[in-house]
Amino acid sequence: MTQTETLSRGAELMLKGPFYAYADHITTRVMEANPSFTREYVDKLVKAWADVATLTVEDGESEDPKYVVTPHMAEVTAAALSLARMFVSFMSAIGGGRFVQWEAPREYASIEDLVRTRIALVTSGFGADIDVWGVA
């Protein structure tokens, strides 16, 4: 994270707040399923996933989601959903008690979808790590 970036509500809750153990559970599950991933990379994935969750909740419910995750971030989604009650609590906490359903994408996103999401993250001040997003 650069000095000009801020933590999204989701990243703050996971990295510094009451969902730290949840983030640790997610990280452990992703690393078990993907032994070639480094801890540093998985930490980046979890932060990026929390940022996308924040954008999604802040935008409210939509039949056509604006924001997408990468194939590697889909691993984070699967790990997050493995503790369903914690997932609901986390999403509700981002929304200030208002839960917004977030469905995992049925197919991986196009490069255009990834660029659009990355631009939204940068515009929001959250940043978008090139290692995670793979797009400049």
Protein backbone atom coordinates (compact mmCIF):
# COMPACT_ATOMS: atom_id res chain seq x y z
CA MET A 1 0.00 0.00 0.00
CA THR A 2 1.40 3.40 -0.91
CA GLN A 3 1.20 6.42 1.35
CA THR A 4 -1.54 7.92 -0.83
CA GLU A 5 -3.78 4.87 -0.55
CA THR A 6 -6.36 4.42 2.17
CA LEU A 7 -7.79 1.20 3.52
CA SER A 8 -11.26 0.35 2.31
CA ARG A 9 -13.86 -0.32 5.00
CA GLY A 10 -13.58 -4.06 4.28
CA ALA A 11 -9.77 -4.10 4.38
CA GLU A 12 -9.78 -2.10 7.61
CA LEU A 13 -12.20 -4.55 9.23
CA MET A 14 -10.10 -7.53 8.12
CA LEU A 15 -6.60 -6.21 8.67
CA LYS A 16 -7.04 -4.04 11.75
CA GLY A 17 -10.45 -4.79 13.14
CA PRO A 18 -12.78 -7.45 14.42
CA PHE A 19 -12.46 -9.69 11.35
CA TYR A 20 -8.73 -10.30 11.64
CA ALA A 21 -9.28 -13.99 12.56
CA TYR A 22 -11.63 -14.32 9.57
CA ALA A 23 -8.91 -12.90 7.29
CA ASP A 24 -6.44 -15.38 8.79
CA HIS A 25 -8.87 -18.26 8.14
CA ILE A 26 -9.28 -17.14 4.53
CA THR A 27 -5.53 -16.80 4.05
CA THR A 28 -4.90 -20.27 5.47
CA ARG A 29 -7.55 -21.87 3.26
CA VAL A 30 -6.26 -20.17 0.10
CA MET A 31 -2.67 -21.16 0.86
CA GLU A 32 -3.68 -24.79 1.52
CA ALA A 33 -5.52 -24.95 -1.80
CA ASN A 34 -2.73 -23.15 -3.69
CA PRO A 35 0.69 -24.17 -2.34
CA SER A 36 2.48 -22.19 -5.05
CA PHE A 37 1.04 -18.90 -3.71
CA THR A 38 3.28 -17.00 -1.30
CA ARG A 39 1.92 -15.55 1.95
CA GLU A 40 2.63 -12.04 0.65
CA TYR A 41 0.61 -12.71 -2.52
CA VAL A 42 -2.31 -14.21 -0.61
CA ASP A 43 -2.33 -11.21 1.75
CA LYS A 44 -2.60 -8.98 -1.34
CA LEU A 45 -5.46 -11.12 -2.66
CA VAL A 46 -7.37 -10.89 0.62
CA LYS A 47 -6.95 -7.10 0.77
CA ALA A 48 -8.02 -6.74 -2.87
CA TRP A 49 -11.05 -8.97 -2.25
CA ALA A 50 -12.04 -6.86 0.76
CA ASP A 51 -11.68 -3.72 -1.39
CA VAL A 52 -13.96 -5.15 -4.09
CA ALA A 53 -16.45 -6.21 -1.40
CA THR A 54 -16.43 -2.63 -0.11
CA LEU A 55 -17.10 -1.17 -3.56
CA THR A 56 -19.89 -3.68 -4.09
CA VAL A 57 -21.59 -2.87 -0.78
CA GLU A 58 -21.16 0.88 -1.23
CA ASP A 59 -22.85 0.68 -4.64
CA GLY A 60 -25.75 -1.34 -3.28
CA GLU A 61 -27.50 -4.24 -4.90
CA SER A 62 -27.39 -4.51 -8.65
CA GLU A 63 -28.57 -7.15 -11.07
CA ASP A 64 -25.50 -6.41 -13.19
CA PRO A 65 -22.52 -6.22 -10.83
CA LYS A 66 -20.05 -3.52 -11.79
CA TYR A 67 -17.05 -4.96 -10.00
CA VAL A 68 -15.30 -8.27 -10.58
CA VAL A 69 -12.64 -10.46 -9.02
CA THR A 70 -9.72 -12.17 -10.71
CA PRO A 71 -9.56 -15.98 -10.95
CA HIS A 72 -7.12 -16.03 -8.00
CA MET A 73 -9.43 -13.79 -5.98
CA ALA A 74 -12.21 -16.30 -6.65
CA GLU A 75 -10.18 -18.59 -4.36
CA VAL A 76 -10.59 -15.95 -1.64
CA THR A 77 -14.34 -15.84 -2.27
CA ALA A 78 -14.56 -19.63 -1.86
CA ALA A 79 -12.57 -19.50 1.38
CA ALA A 80 -14.67 -16.58 2.67
CA LEU A 81 -17.89 -18.44 1.96
CA SER A 82 -16.64 -21.52 3.82
CA LEU A 83 -17.67 -19.70 7.00
CA ALA A 84 -21.11 -18.55 5.89
CA ARG A 85 -22.14 -16.78 9.10
CA MET A 86 -18.86 -14.91 9.26
CA PHE A 87 -19.26 -13.91 5.60
CA VAL A 88 -22.72 -12.47 6.32
CA SER A 89 -21.40 -10.66 9.40
CA PHE A 90 -18.47 -9.24 7.44
CA MET A 91 -20.59 -8.01 4.54
CA SER A 92 -23.11 -6.52 7.00
CA ALA A 93 -20.31 -4.75 8.90
CA ILE A 94 -19.06 -3.14 5.68
CA GLY A 95 -22.57 -1.87 5.02
CA GLY A 96 -23.11 -0.53 8.52
CA GLY A 97 -25.55 -3.31 9.36
CA ARG A 98 -27.11 -3.48 5.88
CA PHE A 99 -26.29 -6.77 4.19
CA VAL A 100 -25.77 -6.76 0.43
CA GLN A 101 -25.73 -10.13 -1.26
CA TRP A 102 -22.57 -10.68 -3.25
CA GLU A 103 -22.62 -13.54 -5.70
CA ALA A 104 -19.42 -14.98 -7.05
CA PRO A 105 -19.17 -14.49 -10.81
CA ARG A 106 -20.27 -17.46 -12.91
CA GLU A 107 -17.42 -16.87 -15.36
CA TYR A 108 -14.12 -15.09 -15.02
CA ALA A 109 -14.16 -11.47 -15.99
CA SER A 110 -12.96 -10.00 -19.22
CA ILE A 111 -9.93 -7.71 -19.31
CA GLU A 112 -12.34 -4.78 -19.71
CA ASP A 113 -14.16 -5.77 -16.50
CA LEU A 114 -10.85 -6.06 -14.65
CA VAL A 115 -9.69 -2.67 -15.89
CA ARG A 116 -13.02 -1.07 -14.89
CA THR A 117 -12.76 -2.55 -11.39
CA ARG A 118 -9.12 -1.54 -11.05
CA ILE A 119 -9.95 2.05 -12.07
CA ALA A 120 -12.75 2.16 -9.49
CA LEU A 121 -10.37 0.93 -6.78
CA VAL A 122 -7.73 3.52 -7.64
CA THR A 123 -10.33 6.30 -7.95
CA SER A 124 -11.67 5.36 -4.51
CA GLY A 125 -8.17 5.68 -3.10
CA PHE A 126 -7.80 1.99 -2.23
CA GLY A 127 -5.16 1.23 -4.85
CA ALA A 128 -4.93 -1.84 -7.06
CA ASP A 129 -1.79 -3.95 -6.81
CA ILE A 130 -0.44 -4.96 -10.23
CA ASP A 131 0.50 -8.38 -8.79
CA VAL A 132 -3.17 -9.05 -8.12
CA TRP A 133 -4.84 -7.31 -11.02
CA GLY A 134 -2.31 -7.96 -13.75
CA VAL A 135 -3.45 -4.89 -15.65
CA ALA A 136 -1.84 -1.48 -15.72
